[in-house]
Full PDB file with SEQRES, HELIX, SHEET, SSBOND, CRYST1, ORIGX, SCALE, CONECT and MASTER records, all heavy atoms in Angstrom:
SEQRES   1 A   32  LEU TRP LEU ALA GLY SER HIS LEU ILE VAL ARG PRO VAL          
SEQRES   2 A   32  GLN VAL LEU ALA GLU ARG LEU ILE ARG PHE GLY ARG GLY          
SEQRES   3 A   32  GLU GLN ASP GLU THR ARG                                      
HELIX    1 AA1 GLY A    5  ARG A   25  1                                  21    
CRYST1    1.000    1.000    1.000  90.00  90.00  90.00 P 1           1          
ORIGX1      1.000000  0.000000  0.000000        0.00000                         
ORIGX2      0.000000  1.000000  0.000000        0.00000                         
ORIGX3      0.000000  0.000000  1.000000        0.00000                         
SCALE1      1.000000  0.000000  0.000000        0.00000                         
SCALE2      0.000000  1.000000  0.000000        0.00000                         
SCALE3      0.000000  0.000000  1.000000        0.00000                         
ATOM      1  N   LEU A   1     152.136  -0.975  64.008  1.00  0.00           N  
ATOM      2  CA  LEU A   1     153.302  -0.207  63.596  1.00  0.00           C  
ATOM      3  C   LEU A   1     153.287   0.203  62.141  1.00  0.00           C  
ATOM      4  O   LEU A   1     153.623   1.293  61.754  1.00  0.00           O  
ATOM      5  CB  LEU A   1     154.608  -0.970  63.943  1.00  0.00           C  
ATOM      6  CG  LEU A   1     155.000  -1.079  65.412  1.00  0.00           C  
ATOM      7  CD1 LEU A   1     156.166  -1.969  65.538  1.00  0.00           C  
ATOM      8  CD2 LEU A   1     155.329   0.251  65.886  1.00  0.00           C  
ATOM      9  N   TRP A   2     152.708  -0.866  61.347  1.00  0.00           N  
ATOM     10  CA  TRP A   2     152.701  -0.510  59.854  1.00  0.00           C  
ATOM     11  C   TRP A   2     151.670   0.632  59.583  1.00  0.00           C  
ATOM     12  O   TRP A   2     151.888   1.406  58.778  1.00  0.00           O  
ATOM     13  CB  TRP A   2     152.287  -1.816  59.143  1.00  0.00           C  
ATOM     14  CG  TRP A   2     152.334  -1.541  57.643  1.00  0.00           C  
ATOM     15  CD1 TRP A   2     151.122  -1.318  56.964  1.00  0.00           C  
ATOM     16  CD2 TRP A   2     153.356  -1.660  56.806  1.00  0.00           C  
ATOM     17  NE1 TRP A   2     151.475  -1.186  55.546  1.00  0.00           N  
ATOM     18  CE2 TRP A   2     152.835  -1.445  55.475  1.00  0.00           C  
ATOM     19  CE3 TRP A   2     154.727  -1.973  56.924  1.00  0.00           C  
ATOM     20  CZ2 TRP A   2     153.736  -1.416  54.344  1.00  0.00           C  
ATOM     21  CZ3 TRP A   2     155.515  -1.902  55.830  1.00  0.00           C  
ATOM     22  CH2 TRP A   2     155.024  -1.619  54.486  1.00  0.00           C  
ATOM     23  N   LEU A   3     150.547   0.633  60.406  1.00  0.00           N  
ATOM     24  CA  LEU A   3     149.533   1.608  60.043  1.00  0.00           C  
ATOM     25  C   LEU A   3     149.872   2.983  60.764  1.00  0.00           C  
ATOM     26  O   LEU A   3     149.561   3.990  60.173  1.00  0.00           O  
ATOM     27  CB  LEU A   3     148.172   1.107  60.689  1.00  0.00           C  
ATOM     28  CG  LEU A   3     147.425  -0.082  60.061  1.00  0.00           C  
ATOM     29  CD1 LEU A   3     146.266  -0.487  60.779  1.00  0.00           C  
ATOM     30  CD2 LEU A   3     147.264   0.152  58.522  1.00  0.00           C  
ATOM     31  N   ALA A   4     150.516   2.965  61.908  1.00  0.00           N  
ATOM     32  CA  ALA A   4     150.800   4.096  62.564  1.00  0.00           C  
ATOM     33  C   ALA A   4     151.875   4.983  61.834  1.00  0.00           C  
ATOM     34  O   ALA A   4     151.685   6.243  61.708  1.00  0.00           O  
ATOM     35  CB  ALA A   4     151.389   3.880  63.980  1.00  0.00           C  
ATOM     36  N   GLY A   5     152.947   4.423  61.279  1.00  0.00           N  
ATOM     37  CA  GLY A   5     153.896   5.143  60.495  1.00  0.00           C  
ATOM     38  C   GLY A   5     154.722   6.109  61.317  1.00  0.00           C  
ATOM     39  O   GLY A   5     154.716   5.936  62.605  1.00  0.00           O  
ATOM     40  N   SER A   6     155.532   6.719  60.641  1.00  0.00           N  
ATOM     41  CA  SER A   6     156.539   7.610  61.269  1.00  0.00           C  
ATOM     42  C   SER A   6     155.959   8.781  62.002  1.00  0.00           C  
ATOM     43  O   SER A   6     156.469   9.111  63.144  1.00  0.00           O  
ATOM     44  CB  SER A   6     157.510   8.123  60.220  1.00  0.00           C  
ATOM     45  OG  SER A   6     156.864   8.983  59.219  1.00  0.00           O  
ATOM     46  N   HIS A   7     154.853   9.301  61.557  1.00  0.00           N  
ATOM     47  CA  HIS A   7     154.265  10.489  62.260  1.00  0.00           C  
ATOM     48  C   HIS A   7     153.660  10.151  63.545  1.00  0.00           C  
ATOM     49  O   HIS A   7     153.475  11.095  64.514  1.00  0.00           O  
ATOM     50  CB  HIS A   7     153.197  11.143  61.320  1.00  0.00           C  
ATOM     51  CG  HIS A   7     153.781  11.830  60.126  1.00  0.00           C  
ATOM     52  ND1 HIS A   7     154.536  12.841  60.141  1.00  0.00           N  
ATOM     53  CD2 HIS A   7     153.597  11.379  58.805  1.00  0.00           C  
ATOM     54  CE1 HIS A   7     154.994  13.154  58.846  1.00  0.00           C  
ATOM     55  NE2 HIS A   7     154.499  12.335  58.091  1.00  0.00           N  
ATOM     56  N   LEU A   8     153.204   8.894  63.724  1.00  0.00           N  
ATOM     57  CA  LEU A   8     152.601   8.530  65.049  1.00  0.00           C  
ATOM     58  C   LEU A   8     153.562   7.852  66.020  1.00  0.00           C  
ATOM     59  O   LEU A   8     153.215   7.803  67.196  1.00  0.00           O  
ATOM     60  CB  LEU A   8     151.397   7.502  64.698  1.00  0.00           C  
ATOM     61  CG  LEU A   8     150.317   8.095  63.942  1.00  0.00           C  
ATOM     62  CD1 LEU A   8     149.210   7.012  63.767  1.00  0.00           C  
ATOM     63  CD2 LEU A   8     149.663   9.373  64.565  1.00  0.00           C  
ATOM     64  N   ILE A   9     154.684   7.477  65.514  1.00  0.00           N  
ATOM     65  CA  ILE A   9     155.653   6.756  66.460  1.00  0.00           C  
ATOM     66  C   ILE A   9     156.962   7.526  66.648  1.00  0.00           C  
ATOM     67  O   ILE A   9     157.361   7.744  67.638  1.00  0.00           O  
ATOM     68  CB  ILE A   9     155.898   5.399  65.842  1.00  0.00           C  
ATOM     69  CG1 ILE A   9     154.563   4.461  65.910  1.00  0.00           C  
ATOM     70  CG2 ILE A   9     156.932   4.707  66.662  1.00  0.00           C  
ATOM     71  CD1 ILE A   9     154.687   3.123  65.277  1.00  0.00           C  
ATOM     72  N   VAL A  10     157.609   7.809  65.456  1.00  0.00           N  
ATOM     73  CA  VAL A  10     158.902   8.429  65.470  1.00  0.00           C  
ATOM     74  C   VAL A  10     158.968   9.716  66.209  1.00  0.00           C  
ATOM     75  O   VAL A  10     159.806   9.883  67.110  1.00  0.00           O  
ATOM     76  CB  VAL A  10     159.501   8.431  64.058  1.00  0.00           C  
ATOM     77  CG1 VAL A  10     160.826   9.184  64.139  1.00  0.00           C  
ATOM     78  CG2 VAL A  10     159.648   7.180  63.406  1.00  0.00           C  
ATOM     79  N   ARG A  11     158.011  10.524  65.885  1.00  0.00           N  
ATOM     80  CA  ARG A  11     157.987  11.857  66.443  1.00  0.00           C  
ATOM     81  C   ARG A  11     157.865  11.877  67.993  1.00  0.00           C  
ATOM     82  O   ARG A  11     158.626  12.539  68.688  1.00  0.00           O  
ATOM     83  CB  ARG A  11     156.814  12.820  65.810  1.00  0.00           C  
ATOM     84  CG  ARG A  11     156.822  14.159  66.466  1.00  0.00           C  
ATOM     85  CD  ARG A  11     158.093  14.917  66.119  1.00  0.00           C  
ATOM     86  NE  ARG A  11     158.182  16.157  66.798  1.00  0.00           N  
ATOM     87  CZ  ARG A  11     159.169  16.922  66.883  1.00  0.00           C  
ATOM     88  NH1 ARG A  11     160.379  16.454  66.381  1.00  0.00           N  
ATOM     89  NH2 ARG A  11     159.158  18.161  67.447  1.00  0.00           N  
ATOM     90  N   PRO A  12     156.886  11.116  68.616  1.00  0.00           N  
ATOM     91  CA  PRO A  12     156.796  11.106  70.013  1.00  0.00           C  
ATOM     92  C   PRO A  12     158.108  10.542  70.615  1.00  0.00           C  
ATOM     93  O   PRO A  12     158.591  10.942  71.668  1.00  0.00           O  
ATOM     94  CB  PRO A  12     155.560  10.192  70.317  1.00  0.00           C  
ATOM     95  CG  PRO A  12     154.795  10.371  69.145  1.00  0.00           C  
ATOM     96  CD  PRO A  12     155.733  10.495  67.970  1.00  0.00           C  
ATOM     97  N   VAL A  13     158.709   9.518  69.970  1.00  0.00           N  
ATOM     98  CA  VAL A  13     159.871   8.844  70.541  1.00  0.00           C  
ATOM     99  C   VAL A  13     161.087   9.899  70.517  1.00  0.00           C  
ATOM    100  O   VAL A  13     161.859  10.002  71.440  1.00  0.00           O  
ATOM    101  CB  VAL A  13     160.321   7.601  69.756  1.00  0.00           C  
ATOM    102  CG1 VAL A  13     161.638   7.094  70.187  1.00  0.00           C  
ATOM    103  CG2 VAL A  13     159.233   6.498  70.041  1.00  0.00           C  
ATOM    104  N   GLN A  14     161.163  10.635  69.338  1.00  0.00           N  
ATOM    105  CA  GLN A  14     162.163  11.677  69.275  1.00  0.00           C  
ATOM    106  C   GLN A  14     161.966  12.778  70.311  1.00  0.00           C  
ATOM    107  O   GLN A  14     163.047  13.152  71.025  1.00  0.00           O  
ATOM    108  CB  GLN A  14     162.014  12.263  67.883  1.00  0.00           C  
ATOM    109  CG  GLN A  14     163.176  13.354  67.673  1.00  0.00           C  
ATOM    110  CD  GLN A  14     163.034  14.073  66.263  1.00  0.00           C  
ATOM    111  OE1 GLN A  14     161.881  14.192  65.792  1.00  0.00           O  
ATOM    112  NE2 GLN A  14     164.092  14.641  65.767  1.00  0.00           N  
ATOM    113  N   VAL A  15     160.886  13.214  70.533  1.00  0.00           N  
ATOM    114  CA  VAL A  15     160.625  14.211  71.584  1.00  0.00           C  
ATOM    115  C   VAL A  15     160.984  13.745  72.880  1.00  0.00           C  
ATOM    116  O   VAL A  15     161.630  14.352  73.748  1.00  0.00           O  
ATOM    117  CB  VAL A  15     159.119  14.718  71.566  1.00  0.00           C  
ATOM    118  CG1 VAL A  15     158.837  15.628  72.756  1.00  0.00           C  
ATOM    119  CG2 VAL A  15     158.806  15.357  70.204  1.00  0.00           C  
ATOM    120  N   LEU A  16     160.644  12.426  73.238  1.00  0.00           N  
ATOM    121  CA  LEU A  16     160.924  11.837  74.493  1.00  0.00           C  
ATOM    122  C   LEU A  16     162.438  11.711  74.695  1.00  0.00           C  
ATOM    123  O   LEU A  16     162.943  11.970  75.733  1.00  0.00           O  
ATOM    124  CB  LEU A  16     160.257  10.445  74.535  1.00  0.00           C  
ATOM    125  CG  LEU A  16     160.553   9.662  75.892  1.00  0.00           C  
ATOM    126  CD1 LEU A  16     160.131  10.414  77.101  1.00  0.00           C  
ATOM    127  CD2 LEU A  16     159.831   8.303  75.771  1.00  0.00           C  
ATOM    128  N   ALA A  17     163.079  11.299  73.606  1.00  0.00           N  
ATOM    129  CA  ALA A  17     164.515  11.141  73.661  1.00  0.00           C  
ATOM    130  C   ALA A  17     165.270  12.440  73.961  1.00  0.00           C  
ATOM    131  O   ALA A  17     166.144  12.518  74.761  1.00  0.00           O  
ATOM    132  CB  ALA A  17     165.049  10.499  72.347  1.00  0.00           C  
ATOM    133  N   GLU A  18     164.766  13.498  73.329  1.00  0.00           N  
ATOM    134  CA  GLU A  18     165.439  14.778  73.452  1.00  0.00           C  
ATOM    135  C   GLU A  18     165.122  15.360  74.893  1.00  0.00           C  
ATOM    136  O   GLU A  18     166.018  15.901  75.514  1.00  0.00           O  
ATOM    137  CB  GLU A  18     164.778  15.800  72.491  1.00  0.00           C  
ATOM    138  CG  GLU A  18     165.253  15.562  71.103  1.00  0.00           C  
ATOM    139  CD  GLU A  18     164.534  16.475  70.058  1.00  0.00           C  
ATOM    140  OE1 GLU A  18     163.600  17.245  70.422  1.00  0.00           O  
ATOM    141  OE2 GLU A  18     164.867  16.455  68.902  1.00  0.00           O  
ATOM    142  N   ARG A  19     163.871  15.028  75.417  1.00  0.00           N  
ATOM    143  CA  ARG A  19     163.694  15.407  76.800  1.00  0.00           C  
ATOM    144  C   ARG A  19     164.465  14.690  77.798  1.00  0.00           C  
ATOM    145  O   ARG A  19     164.914  15.205  78.853  1.00  0.00           O  
ATOM    146  CB  ARG A  19     162.145  15.222  77.121  1.00  0.00           C  
ATOM    147  CG  ARG A  19     161.268  16.201  76.171  1.00  0.00           C  
ATOM    148  CD  ARG A  19     159.788  16.032  76.609  1.00  0.00           C  
ATOM    149  NE  ARG A  19     159.516  16.515  77.896  1.00  0.00           N  
ATOM    150  CZ  ARG A  19     158.330  16.351  78.462  1.00  0.00           C  
ATOM    151  NH1 ARG A  19     157.256  15.800  77.841  1.00  0.00           N  
ATOM    152  NH2 ARG A  19     158.214  16.811  79.735  1.00  0.00           N  
ATOM    153  N   LEU A  20     164.622  13.449  77.583  1.00  0.00           N  
ATOM    154  CA  LEU A  20     165.509  12.573  78.425  1.00  0.00           C  
ATOM    155  C   LEU A  20     166.983  13.127  78.489  1.00  0.00           C  
ATOM    156  O   LEU A  20     167.631  13.132  79.482  1.00  0.00           O  
ATOM    157  CB  LEU A  20     165.454  11.195  78.038  1.00  0.00           C  
ATOM    158  CG  LEU A  20     164.093  10.400  78.405  1.00  0.00           C  
ATOM    159  CD1 LEU A  20     164.126   9.041  77.799  1.00  0.00           C  
ATOM    160  CD2 LEU A  20     163.890  10.375  79.855  1.00  0.00           C  
ATOM    161  N   ILE A  21     167.405  13.525  77.176  1.00  0.00           N  
ATOM    162  CA  ILE A  21     168.802  13.941  77.118  1.00  0.00           C  
ATOM    163  C   ILE A  21     168.981  15.284  77.840  1.00  0.00           C  
ATOM    164  O   ILE A  21     169.943  15.448  78.676  1.00  0.00           O  
ATOM    165  CB  ILE A  21     169.185  14.195  75.607  1.00  0.00           C  
ATOM    166  CG1 ILE A  21     169.254  12.819  74.900  1.00  0.00           C  
ATOM    167  CG2 ILE A  21     170.533  14.897  75.539  1.00  0.00           C  
ATOM    168  CD1 ILE A  21     169.387  12.999  73.430  1.00  0.00           C  
ATOM    169  N   ARG A  22     167.994  16.186  77.743  1.00  0.00           N  
ATOM    170  CA  ARG A  22     168.049  17.391  78.520  1.00  0.00           C  
ATOM    171  C   ARG A  22     167.896  17.176  80.000  1.00  0.00           C  
ATOM    172  O   ARG A  22     168.630  17.770  80.791  1.00  0.00           O  
ATOM    173  CB  ARG A  22     166.960  18.402  77.900  1.00  0.00           C  
ATOM    174  CG  ARG A  22     167.084  18.860  76.610  1.00  0.00           C  
ATOM    175  CD  ARG A  22     166.094  20.019  76.371  1.00  0.00           C  
ATOM    176  NE  ARG A  22     164.744  19.634  76.410  1.00  0.00           N  
ATOM    177  CZ  ARG A  22     163.982  19.087  75.381  1.00  0.00           C  
ATOM    178  NH1 ARG A  22     164.567  18.991  74.187  1.00  0.00           N  
ATOM    179  NH2 ARG A  22     162.766  18.631  75.517  1.00  0.00           N  
ATOM    180  N   PHE A  23     167.134  16.184  80.339  1.00  0.00           N  
ATOM    181  CA  PHE A  23     167.018  15.854  81.779  1.00  0.00           C  
ATOM    182  C   PHE A  23     168.299  15.337  82.270  1.00  0.00           C  
ATOM    183  O   PHE A  23     168.660  15.743  83.378  1.00  0.00           O  
ATOM    184  CB  PHE A  23     165.878  14.806  81.893  1.00  0.00           C  
ATOM    185  CG  PHE A  23     165.811  14.310  83.336  1.00  0.00           C  
ATOM    186  CD1 PHE A  23     165.111  15.016  84.350  1.00  0.00           C  
ATOM    187  CD2 PHE A  23     166.334  13.054  83.544  1.00  0.00           C  
ATOM    188  CE1 PHE A  23     165.022  14.648  85.510  1.00  0.00           C  
ATOM    189  CE2 PHE A  23     166.162  12.504  84.945  1.00  0.00           C  
ATOM    190  CZ  PHE A  23     165.555  13.279  85.796  1.00  0.00           C  
ATOM    191  N   GLY A  24     168.916  14.471  81.471  1.00  0.00           N  
ATOM    192  CA  GLY A  24     170.276  13.992  82.001  1.00  0.00           C  
ATOM    193  C   GLY A  24     171.313  15.015  82.085  1.00  0.00           C  
ATOM    194  O   GLY A  24     172.220  14.969  82.919  1.00  0.00           O  
ATOM    195  N   ARG A  25     171.169  16.010  81.290  1.00  0.00           N  
ATOM    196  CA  ARG A  25     172.201  17.190  81.319  1.00  0.00           C  
ATOM    197  C   ARG A  25     171.734  18.184  82.340  1.00  0.00           C  
ATOM    198  O   ARG A  25     172.575  19.185  82.479  1.00  0.00           O  
ATOM    199  CB  ARG A  25     172.369  17.830  79.884  1.00  0.00           C  
ATOM    200  CG  ARG A  25     172.937  16.933  78.841  1.00  0.00           C  
ATOM    201  CD  ARG A  25     172.943  17.581  77.487  1.00  0.00           C  
ATOM    202  NE  ARG A  25     173.543  16.750  76.462  1.00  0.00           N  
ATOM    203  CZ  ARG A  25     173.534  17.072  75.247  1.00  0.00           C  
ATOM    204  NH1 ARG A  25     172.983  18.207  74.812  1.00  0.00           N  
ATOM    205  NH2 ARG A  25     174.155  16.253  74.328  1.00  0.00           N  
ATOM    206  N   GLY A  26     170.628  18.133  82.774  1.00  0.00           N  
ATOM    207  CA  GLY A  26     170.321  19.125  83.798  1.00  0.00           C  
ATOM    208  C   GLY A  26     169.623  20.356  83.157  1.00  0.00           C  
ATOM    209  O   GLY A  26     169.460  21.366  83.886  1.00  0.00           O  
ATOM    210  N   GLU A  27     169.372  20.285  81.842  1.00  0.00           N  
ATOM    211  CA  GLU A  27     168.790  21.485  81.119  1.00  0.00           C  
ATOM    212  C   GLU A  27     167.338  21.527  81.375  1.00  0.00           C  
ATOM    213  O   GLU A  27     166.638  20.605  81.815  1.00  0.00           O  
ATOM    214  CB  GLU A  27     169.038  21.383  79.585  1.00  0.00           C  
ATOM    215  CG  GLU A  27     170.515  21.349  79.307  1.00  0.00           C  
ATOM    216  CD  GLU A  27     170.783  21.214  77.901  1.00  0.00           C  
ATOM    217  OE1 GLU A  27     169.785  20.991  77.115  1.00  0.00           O  
ATOM    218  OE2 GLU A  27     171.950  21.056  77.451  1.00  0.00           O  
ATOM    219  N   GLN A  28     166.706  22.751  81.092  1.00  0.00           N  
ATOM    220  CA  GLN A  28     165.322  22.971  81.202  1.00  0.00           C  
ATOM    221  C   GLN A  28     164.540  22.200  80.093  1.00  0.00           C  
ATOM    222  O   GLN A  28     165.077  21.938  78.951  1.00  0.00           O  
ATOM    223  CB  GLN A  28     164.910  24.482  81.220  1.00  0.00           C  
ATOM    224  CG  GLN A  28     165.445  25.194  82.405  1.00  0.00           C  
ATOM    225  CD  GLN A  28     165.096  26.692  82.328  1.00  0.00           C  
ATOM    226  OE1 GLN A  28     164.467  27.100  81.395  1.00  0.00           O  
ATOM    227  NE2 GLN A  28     165.462  27.451  83.381  1.00  0.00           N  
ATOM    228  N   ASP A  29     163.321  21.815  80.395  1.00  0.00           N  
ATOM    229  CA  ASP A  29     162.589  21.098  79.418  1.00  0.00           C  
ATOM    230  C   ASP A  29     161.879  22.105  78.479  1.00  0.00           C  
ATOM    231  O   ASP A  29     161.009  22.826  78.802  1.00  0.00           O  
ATOM    232  CB  ASP A  29     161.459  20.300  80.083  1.00  0.00           C  
ATOM    233  CG  ASP A  29     160.813  19.313  79.215  1.00  0.00           C  
ATOM    234  OD1 ASP A  29     161.134  19.183  78.056  1.00  0.00           O  
ATOM    235  OD2 ASP A  29     159.738  18.788  79.615  1.00  0.00           O  
ATOM    236  N   GLU A  30     162.378  22.042  77.277  1.00  0.00           N  
ATOM    237  CA  GLU A  30     161.885  23.005  76.221  1.00  0.00           C  
ATOM    238  C   GLU A  30     161.284  22.122  75.078  1.00  0.00           C  
ATOM    239  O   GLU A  30     162.129  21.377  74.511  1.00  0.00           O  
ATOM    240  CB  GLU A  30     162.910  23.961  75.703  1.00  0.00           C  
ATOM    241  CG  GLU A  30     163.446  24.835  76.801  1.00  0.00           C  
ATOM    242  CD  GLU A  30     164.467  25.828  76.209  1.00  0.00           C  
ATOM    243  OE1 GLU A  30     164.904  25.652  75.060  1.00  0.00           O  
ATOM    244  OE2 GLU A  30     165.058  26.652  77.011  1.00  0.00           O  
ATOM    245  N   THR A  31     160.056  22.285  74.708  1.00  0.00           N  
ATOM    246  CA  THR A  31     159.479  21.455  73.679  1.00  0.00           C  
ATOM    247  C   THR A  31     159.785  22.224  72.357  1.00  0.00           C  
ATOM    248  O   THR A  31     159.553  23.406  72.159  1.00  0.00           O  
ATOM    249  CB  THR A  31     157.970  21.448  73.884  1.00  0.00           C  
ATOM    250  OG1 THR A  31     157.681  20.844  75.153  1.00  0.00           O  
ATOM    251  CG2 THR A  31     157.307  20.556  72.713  1.00  0.00           C  
ATOM    252  N   ARG A  32     160.328  21.493  71.420  1.00  0.00           N  
ATOM    253  CA  ARG A  32     160.639  22.089  70.138  1.00  0.00           C  
ATOM    254  C   ARG A  32     159.649  21.739  69.084  1.00  0.00           C  
ATOM    255  O   ARG A  32     158.844  20.877  69.334  1.00  0.00           O  
ATOM    256  CB  ARG A  32     162.035  21.523  69.626  1.00  0.00           C  
ATOM    257  CG  ARG A  32     163.199  21.966  70.578  1.00  0.00           C  
ATOM    258  CD  ARG A  32     164.574  21.410  69.991  1.00  0.00           C  
ATOM    259  NE  ARG A  32     165.616  21.731  70.902  1.00  0.00           N  
ATOM    260  CZ  ARG A  32     166.918  21.387  70.613  1.00  0.00           C  
ATOM    261  NH1 ARG A  32     167.083  20.711  69.555  1.00  0.00           N  
ATOM    262  NH2 ARG A  32     167.885  21.782  71.527  1.00  0.00           N  
TER     263      ARG A  32                                                      
MASTER        0    0    0    1    0    0    0    6  262    1    0    3          
END                                                                             
């Protein structure tokens, strides 16, 4: 975790969270 940093961990988690939110709302999956 110390070596990976924010660019290797936070961004994928954020994208996954946004996709899960859209999935829960029934929205289309759009990658930002």
